[in-house]
Amino acid sequence: MTNQPNQPHQPNQPYDGYDPYGQQWHQQGHQGYDDPYAGQQYTQQWQGQTWETQTQSPVSAHVTAAEETAYLPPQGYEAPAEAVPVPAPASPPAAEYGPATVAGNARVTDAQRARAEGRSPIIEPGMQPAALTALLGLLLAGAAAVGTYALLVPLVVLQAVTAAGWFRLNGMWPARQGIALGFAGALAADAALLASDRSPSAILGTLGVWVLLALVLQLRSHADPDERMYGLMATVAASALAIVAGGYLAAEADAVTVGAIAVAVAVLARALPLPTPVSVVVALLAGAGGGVAGGSLTGLGTSGAVLGVGAAACALIGHRVASYDYPSRFVHFTAGVALPLSAAAPAVYVLGRALV
């Protein structure tokens, strides 16, 4: 008699289901099986539609434990839509990267990519910062013709922008203590120049004292040793540039007028859209022409050309430094404006002493 496990038991029929004690099987004439696995064909099966029965075949009693734990979906089975992984968006190609911005971005910047590829990460400030440099230079030239205290006003502006721009050019922002220390050194040098009747020794003395103050400031810092070293070098350099810019106050007034005009003309010429070697030559020639024009106003004559070329050469060095490492617009409008004039101050003082 075939076992029908899924049919309900009838009262008039003897129950031939599985008897755990084996008594009913003997009463019905069924003898014990010689094969212990022969009775497995009577194993009951679930008929309900569940998730397991939809995705798996019926489990038989002879399935081993390892086979029960291993699940292979049947042929033609499709995973639910929500289980399908969504591919990640592809990263943009390298050609789509733009210049670094002041807003900040977690991606690899063009400067880092350029360093990795061995290229020069340089972006020049452009015409707008050059126009501001020319304007500040003309203010210095005109104020020097008026008098010492009139020259002090644009000079203080130049020193403040120099200190702030140098820190931002080195990637340190905010750095209020370092900027304040550099600007304070510039003010101290100006005061010492006025008190000593514009003696250049006031610049050297203030510079030595401010290097010591910058060292003490960094020793009191709780930052990492590497960060303290970077901060020390940036503070010393910013203070030195801001203090050295006071050379305009120590130089002769006529030399300041000629040199400032030469820097203004040279920076404007350097911003023209020309190849770099041609642009440098044109800027030096423009500086010489500006020196001649300034010399005609102050009585220096052709000697103004020499002063103009020297001031223009130093200004181009400052312009080149402000172009380094993919700087932001903030760097261009601070260091890009101030460094050409600050770098030209020593040449204006030295050549002015020699020629005037």
Protein backbone atom coordinates (compact mmCIF):
# COMPACT_ATOMS: atom_id res chain seq x y z
CA MET A 1 0.00 0.00 0.00
CA THR A 2 1.33 3.38 -1.03
CA ASN A 3 1.70 5.93 1.70
CA GLN A 4 -0.24 9.19 1.14
CA PRO A 5 1.08 11.53 3.80
CA ASN A 6 -0.78 14.58 2.57
CA GLN A 7 -4.30 13.01 2.76
CA PRO A 8 -6.27 13.25 6.03
CA HIS A 9 -6.81 10.09 8.05
CA GLN A 10 -10.18 8.33 7.36
CA PRO A 11 -11.97 6.71 10.31
CA ASN A 12 -12.83 3.51 8.34
CA GLN A 13 -9.30 2.98 7.14
CA PRO A 14 -6.45 1.81 9.27
CA TYR A 15 -3.86 4.47 9.90
CA ASP A 16 -0.72 3.60 8.03
CA GLY A 17 1.29 6.69 8.92
CA TYR A 18 4.67 6.62 10.52
CA ASP A 19 4.59 5.03 13.98
CA PRO A 20 7.56 6.09 16.03
CA TYR A 21 7.45 2.84 18.00
CA GLY A 22 7.12 0.54 14.97
CA GLN A 23 4.01 -1.21 16.36
CA GLN A 24 1.52 -0.30 13.62
CA TRP A 25 3.85 -1.49 10.90
CA HIS A 26 3.96 -4.97 12.42
CA GLN A 27 0.17 -5.02 12.90
CA GLN A 28 -0.38 -4.28 9.21
CA GLY A 29 1.95 -7.03 8.12
CA HIS A 30 4.87 -4.81 7.39
CA GLN A 31 8.10 -6.29 8.47
CA GLY A 32 11.19 -4.25 9.37
CA TYR A 33 13.32 -3.19 6.46
CA ASP A 34 16.62 -4.87 5.97
CA ASP A 35 17.86 -1.71 4.28
CA PRO A 36 17.82 1.09 6.89
CA TYR A 37 17.42 3.69 4.13
CA ALA A 38 14.61 1.97 2.28
CA GLY A 39 11.88 3.77 4.23
CA GLN A 40 13.04 7.20 3.26
CA GLN A 41 10.65 7.33 0.31
CA TYR A 42 7.84 7.89 2.85
CA THR A 43 9.32 11.08 4.18
CA GLN A 44 6.70 13.83 4.33
CA GLN A 45 7.11 16.93 2.22
CA TRP A 46 5.86 20.50 2.75
CA GLN A 47 3.33 21.62 0.18
CA GLY A 48 2.95 25.29 1.29
CA GLN A 49 4.39 28.05 -0.88
CA THR A 50 7.17 29.52 1.19
CA TRP A 51 10.35 31.29 0.27
CA GLU A 52 12.34 28.09 0.82
CA THR A 53 10.10 25.95 -1.38
CA GLN A 54 10.20 28.54 -4.14
CA THR A 55 13.95 28.64 -4.28
CA GLN A 56 14.93 25.10 -3.22
CA SER A 57 14.02 21.58 -4.23
CA PRO A 58 12.42 19.32 -1.56
CA VAL A 59 14.84 18.17 1.06
CA SER A 60 15.20 14.42 1.32
CA ALA A 61 16.32 12.62 4.40
CA HIS A 62 19.55 11.37 2.91
CA VAL A 63 20.91 14.90 2.25
CA THR A 64 24.04 15.38 4.22
CA ALA A 65 24.67 18.30 6.56
CA ALA A 66 27.16 19.92 4.18
CA GLU A 67 24.65 19.75 1.33
CA GLU A 68 21.93 21.26 3.50
CA THR A 69 24.07 24.30 4.26
CA ALA A 70 25.18 24.81 0.64
CA TYR A 71 22.61 26.79 -1.32
CA LEU A 72 22.67 27.00 -5.07
CA PRO A 73 19.73 28.79 -6.72
CA PRO A 74 17.96 26.79 -9.45
CA GLN A 75 18.47 27.50 -13.10
CA GLY A 76 16.67 30.58 -14.33
CA TYR A 77 16.36 32.12 -10.85
CA GLU A 78 16.58 35.89 -10.85
CA ALA A 79 17.64 37.83 -7.76
CA PRO A 80 15.27 40.49 -6.42
CA ALA A 81 15.70 43.91 -7.98
CA GLU A 82 16.84 45.47 -4.72
CA ALA A 83 19.62 42.92 -4.35
CA VAL A 84 21.26 43.78 -7.68
CA PRO A 85 24.40 45.86 -6.91
CA VAL A 86 24.54 49.28 -8.53
CA PRO A 87 27.87 49.93 -10.25
CA ALA A 88 29.85 52.86 -8.86
CA PRO A 89 30.15 55.91 -11.14
CA ALA A 90 33.36 56.06 -13.06
CA SER A 91 35.88 58.68 -12.03
CA PRO A 92 36.33 61.57 -14.46
CA PRO A 93 39.34 61.45 -16.74
CA ALA A 94 42.46 63.38 -15.82
CA ALA A 95 41.87 65.91 -18.58
CA GLU A 96 38.74 67.23 -16.83
CA TYR A 97 40.54 68.40 -13.68
CA GLY A 98 40.61 72.16 -13.25
CA PRO A 99 42.86 74.45 -11.24
CA ALA A 100 42.77 74.45 -7.46
CA THR A 101 40.26 76.75 -5.75
CA VAL A 102 39.98 78.42 -2.37
CA ALA A 103 36.77 76.47 -1.63
CA GLY A 104 38.71 73.27 -1.14
CA ASN A 105 38.16 69.85 -2.68
CA ALA A 106 38.91 66.31 -1.54
CA ARG A 107 40.07 65.24 -5.01
CA VAL A 108 43.67 65.21 -6.18
CA THR A 109 44.60 68.73 -7.16
CA ASP A 110 46.36 69.70 -10.35
CA ALA A 111 49.41 70.68 -8.32
CA GLN A 112 49.70 67.17 -6.85
CA ARG A 113 49.14 65.58 -10.22
CA ALA A 114 51.73 67.86 -11.82
CA ARG A 115 54.31 66.97 -9.18
CA ALA A 116 53.65 63.27 -9.65
CA GLU A 117 54.10 63.63 -13.40
CA GLY A 118 57.20 65.80 -13.10
CA ARG A 119 55.58 68.89 -14.60
CA SER A 120 55.90 72.47 -13.38
CA PRO A 121 52.84 73.54 -11.33
CA ILE A 122 52.92 77.22 -12.26
CA ILE A 123 50.06 79.67 -12.84
CA GLU A 124 50.96 83.33 -13.26
CA PRO A 125 48.82 85.94 -11.48
CA GLY A 126 47.52 87.60 -14.65
CA MET A 127 46.57 91.11 -15.65
CA GLN A 128 44.31 92.10 -12.73
CA PRO A 129 46.94 91.53 -10.00
CA ALA A 130 49.48 93.20 -12.28
CA ALA A 131 47.23 96.23 -12.55
CA LEU A 132 46.98 96.40 -8.74
CA THR A 133 50.76 96.11 -8.49
CA ALA A 134 51.14 98.96 -10.97
CA LEU A 135 48.65 101.06 -9.04
CA LEU A 136 50.45 100.47 -5.74
CA GLY A 137 53.79 101.22 -7.41
CA LEU A 138 52.53 104.50 -8.78
CA LEU A 139 51.21 105.39 -5.31
CA LEU A 140 54.66 104.71 -3.88
CA ALA A 141 56.29 106.83 -6.60
CA GLY A 142 53.93 109.74 -6.07
CA ALA A 143 54.09 109.57 -2.26
CA ALA A 144 57.91 109.52 -2.34
CA ALA A 145 57.86 112.75 -4.31
CA VAL A 146 55.60 114.31 -1.66
CA GLY A 147 57.55 113.34 1.45
CA THR A 148 58.60 110.67 3.92
CA TYR A 149 55.38 110.47 5.91
CA ALA A 150 53.31 110.42 2.75
CA LEU A 151 55.37 107.44 1.57
CA LEU A 152 54.62 105.67 4.84
CA VAL A 153 50.92 105.17 3.96
CA PRO A 154 51.24 103.00 0.80
CA LEU A 155 54.31 101.34 2.31
CA VAL A 156 52.34 100.03 5.30
CA VAL A 157 49.71 98.65 2.94
CA LEU A 158 52.44 96.91 0.93
CA GLN A 159 53.96 95.38 4.07
CA ALA A 160 50.63 94.07 5.36
CA VAL A 161 49.75 92.43 2.04
CA THR A 162 53.24 90.93 1.82
CA ALA A 163 52.99 89.24 5.24
CA ALA A 164 49.51 87.82 4.56
CA GLY A 165 50.27 86.72 1.01
CA TRP A 166 53.43 84.83 1.94
CA PHE A 167 51.62 82.65 4.48
CA ARG A 168 48.82 81.84 2.04
CA LEU A 169 51.34 81.11 -0.69
CA ASN A 170 52.87 78.47 1.58
CA GLY A 171 49.48 76.86 2.23
CA MET A 172 49.20 78.13 5.83
CA TRP A 173 45.81 79.68 6.47
CA PRO A 174 44.62 80.88 8.88
CA ALA A 175 47.96 81.87 10.47
CA ARG A 176 46.98 84.96 12.41
CA GLN A 177 49.89 84.86 14.83
CA GLY A 178 52.50 84.58 12.10
CA ILE A 179 50.91 87.27 9.96
CA ALA A 180 50.55 89.58 12.95
CA LEU A 181 54.17 88.97 13.94
CA GLY A 182 55.47 89.70 10.43
CA PHE A 183 53.40 92.85 10.10
CA ALA A 184 54.45 94.00 13.57
CA GLY A 185 58.08 93.54 12.53
CA ALA A 186 57.48 95.75 9.51
CA LEU A 187 55.93 98.46 11.65
CA ALA A 188 58.82 98.23 14.11
CA ALA A 189 61.31 98.59 11.26
CA ASP A 190 59.46 101.64 9.93
CA ALA A 191 59.49 103.24 13.36
CA ALA A 192 63.19 102.47 13.78
CA LEU A 193 63.91 103.99 10.35
CA LEU A 194 62.09 107.17 11.22
CA ALA A 195 63.80 107.37 14.62
CA SER A 196 67.28 106.78 13.17
CA ASP A 197 66.92 109.23 10.28
CA ARG A 198 66.36 106.40 7.78
CA SER A 199 69.49 104.45 8.67
CA PRO A 200 69.59 100.98 7.01
CA SER A 201 70.97 99.48 10.23
CA ALA A 202 67.45 99.81 11.64
CA ILE A 203 66.25 97.24 9.12
CA LEU A 204 69.02 94.77 10.00
CA GLY A 205 68.50 95.19 13.74
CA THR A 206 64.74 94.70 13.51
CA LEU A 207 65.20 91.67 11.30
CA GLY A 208 67.50 90.00 13.85
CA VAL A 209 65.13 90.66 16.73
CA TRP A 210 62.14 89.31 14.80
CA VAL A 211 63.91 86.11 13.86
CA LEU A 212 64.45 85.52 17.57
CA LEU A 213 60.79 86.28 18.34
CA ALA A 214 59.63 83.88 15.62
CA LEU A 215 61.84 81.15 17.11
CA VAL A 216 60.38 81.72 20.59
CA LEU A 217 56.85 81.66 19.18
CA GLN A 218 57.37 78.29 17.52
CA LEU A 219 59.05 76.80 20.59
CA ARG A 220 55.92 77.56 22.59
CA SER A 221 53.75 75.80 20.02
CA HIS A 222 52.29 72.36 20.78
CA ALA A 223 52.16 71.28 17.13
CA ASP A 224 54.15 68.46 15.60
CA PRO A 225 57.89 69.09 15.05
CA ASP A 226 57.46 69.19 11.27
CA GLU A 227 54.62 71.69 11.49
CA ARG A 228 56.62 73.85 13.87
CA MET A 229 59.53 73.86 11.43
CA TYR A 230 57.23 74.88 8.54
CA GLY A 231 55.69 77.59 10.69
CA LEU A 232 59.10 78.89 11.73
CA MET A 233 60.37 79.16 8.17
CA ALA A 234 57.18 80.81 6.94
CA THR A 235 57.16 83.30 9.82
CA VAL A 236 60.80 84.23 9.34
CA ALA A 237 60.40 84.62 5.58
CA ALA A 238 57.20 86.69 5.88
CA SER A 239 58.78 88.93 8.51
CA ALA A 240 61.94 89.34 6.45
CA LEU A 241 60.04 90.30 3.28
CA ALA A 242 57.79 92.74 5.13
CA ILE A 243 60.74 94.33 6.92
CA VAL A 244 62.91 94.49 3.80
CA ALA A 245 60.09 96.31 2.00
CA GLY A 246 60.92 99.16 4.39
CA GLY A 247 63.92 99.76 2.15
CA TYR A 248 61.72 102.17 0.21
CA LEU A 249 61.66 104.33 3.32
CA ALA A 250 65.45 104.17 3.67
CA ALA A 251 66.17 104.87 -0.02
CA GLU A 252 66.44 108.25 -1.68
CA ALA A 253 63.11 109.71 -2.72
CA ASP A 254 64.15 110.03 -6.39
CA ALA A 255 65.29 106.41 -6.46
CA VAL A 256 61.95 105.30 -5.01
CA THR A 257 60.08 107.22 -7.69
CA VAL A 258 62.15 105.76 -10.53
CA GLY A 259 62.16 102.21 -9.17
CA ALA A 260 58.43 102.11 -8.42
CA ILE A 261 57.59 103.35 -11.92
CA ALA A 262 59.91 100.75 -13.45
CA VAL A 263 58.28 97.93 -11.42
CA ALA A 264 54.80 99.09 -12.41
CA VAL A 265 55.63 99.08 -16.13
CA ALA A 266 57.58 95.80 -16.00
CA VAL A 267 54.81 93.86 -14.23
CA LEU A 268 52.22 95.07 -16.73
CA ALA A 269 54.44 93.99 -19.60
CA ARG A 270 55.01 90.60 -17.95
CA ALA A 271 51.26 89.99 -17.79
CA LEU A 272 50.87 90.28 -21.57
CA PRO A 273 49.92 87.01 -23.33
CA LEU A 274 53.38 86.26 -24.72
CA PRO A 275 55.70 83.24 -24.50
CA THR A 276 57.60 83.26 -21.24
CA PRO A 277 61.11 84.02 -22.61
CA VAL A 278 59.75 86.80 -24.81
CA SER A 279 57.64 88.15 -21.95
CA VAL A 280 60.66 88.35 -19.63
CA VAL A 281 62.73 90.26 -22.21
CA VAL A 282 59.86 92.63 -22.93
CA ALA A 283 59.34 93.22 -19.19
CA LEU A 284 63.03 94.08 -18.66
CA LEU A 285 62.97 96.47 -21.61
CA ALA A 286 59.79 98.03 -20.26
CA GLY A 287 61.46 98.42 -16.86
CA ALA A 288 64.39 100.19 -18.48
CA GLY A 289 61.99 102.47 -20.34
CA GLY A 290 60.10 103.18 -17.14
CA GLY A 291 63.41 104.01 -15.45
CA VAL A 292 64.28 106.46 -18.19
CA ALA A 293 60.85 108.07 -17.89
CA GLY A 294 61.19 108.32 -14.13
CA GLY A 295 64.73 109.61 -14.45
CA SER A 296 63.57 112.41 -16.71
CA LEU A 297 61.11 113.45 -14.00
CA THR A 298 63.63 113.31 -11.14
CA GLY A 299 66.78 114.46 -12.92
CA LEU A 300 68.55 111.09 -12.98
CA GLY A 301 68.56 110.98 -16.78
CA THR A 302 69.93 107.82 -18.35
CA SER A 303 71.04 106.52 -14.95
CA GLY A 304 67.40 105.81 -14.34
CA ALA A 305 67.56 103.05 -16.98
CA VAL A 306 70.07 101.09 -14.88
CA LEU A 307 67.95 101.54 -11.78
CA GLY A 308 64.84 100.58 -13.74
CA VAL A 309 66.40 97.35 -15.09
CA GLY A 310 67.61 96.31 -11.62
CA ALA A 311 64.23 96.98 -10.01
CA ALA A 312 62.42 95.20 -12.85
CA ALA A 313 64.65 92.12 -12.55
CA CYS A 314 63.93 91.81 -8.82
CA ALA A 315 60.24 92.39 -9.46
CA LEU A 316 60.16 89.52 -11.97
CA ILE A 317 61.70 87.23 -9.36
CA GLY A 318 58.94 88.14 -6.93
CA HIS A 319 56.36 87.63 -9.68
CA ARG A 320 57.76 84.17 -10.38
CA VAL A 321 57.62 83.19 -6.70
CA ALA A 322 53.97 84.25 -6.48
CA SER A 323 53.17 81.98 -9.45
CA TYR A 324 54.36 78.77 -7.80
CA ASP A 325 52.28 75.70 -6.87
CA TYR A 326 48.91 76.47 -8.53
CA PRO A 327 48.06 79.35 -6.17
CA SER A 328 44.51 80.49 -5.60
CA ARG A 329 42.97 83.85 -6.43
CA PHE A 330 43.64 84.95 -2.87
CA VAL A 331 47.35 84.30 -3.39
CA HIS A 332 47.32 86.13 -6.70
CA PHE A 333 45.68 89.18 -5.17
CA THR A 334 48.01 89.26 -2.14
CA ALA A 335 51.41 87.72 -2.85
CA GLY A 336 51.01 88.29 -6.59
CA VAL A 337 50.45 92.00 -5.97
CA ALA A 338 52.97 92.63 -3.19
CA LEU A 339 55.98 90.38 -3.89
CA PRO A 340 57.19 92.18 -7.05
CA LEU A 341 57.36 95.50 -5.17
CA SER A 342 58.78 93.99 -1.95
CA ALA A 343 61.50 92.10 -3.83
CA ALA A 344 62.53 95.27 -5.68
CA ALA A 345 63.07 97.31 -2.49
CA PRO A 346 66.72 96.21 -1.88
CA ALA A 347 67.66 97.00 -5.50
CA VAL A 348 66.03 100.41 -5.25
CA TYR A 349 67.97 101.18 -2.07
CA VAL A 350 71.37 99.91 -3.28
CA LEU A 351 71.21 101.31 -6.82
CA GLY A 352 69.71 104.54 -5.54
CA ARG A 353 72.67 105.03 -3.20
CA ALA A 354 75.08 104.35 -6.03
CA LEU A 355 73.44 106.45 -8.75
CA VAL A 356 71.80 109.38 -7.02
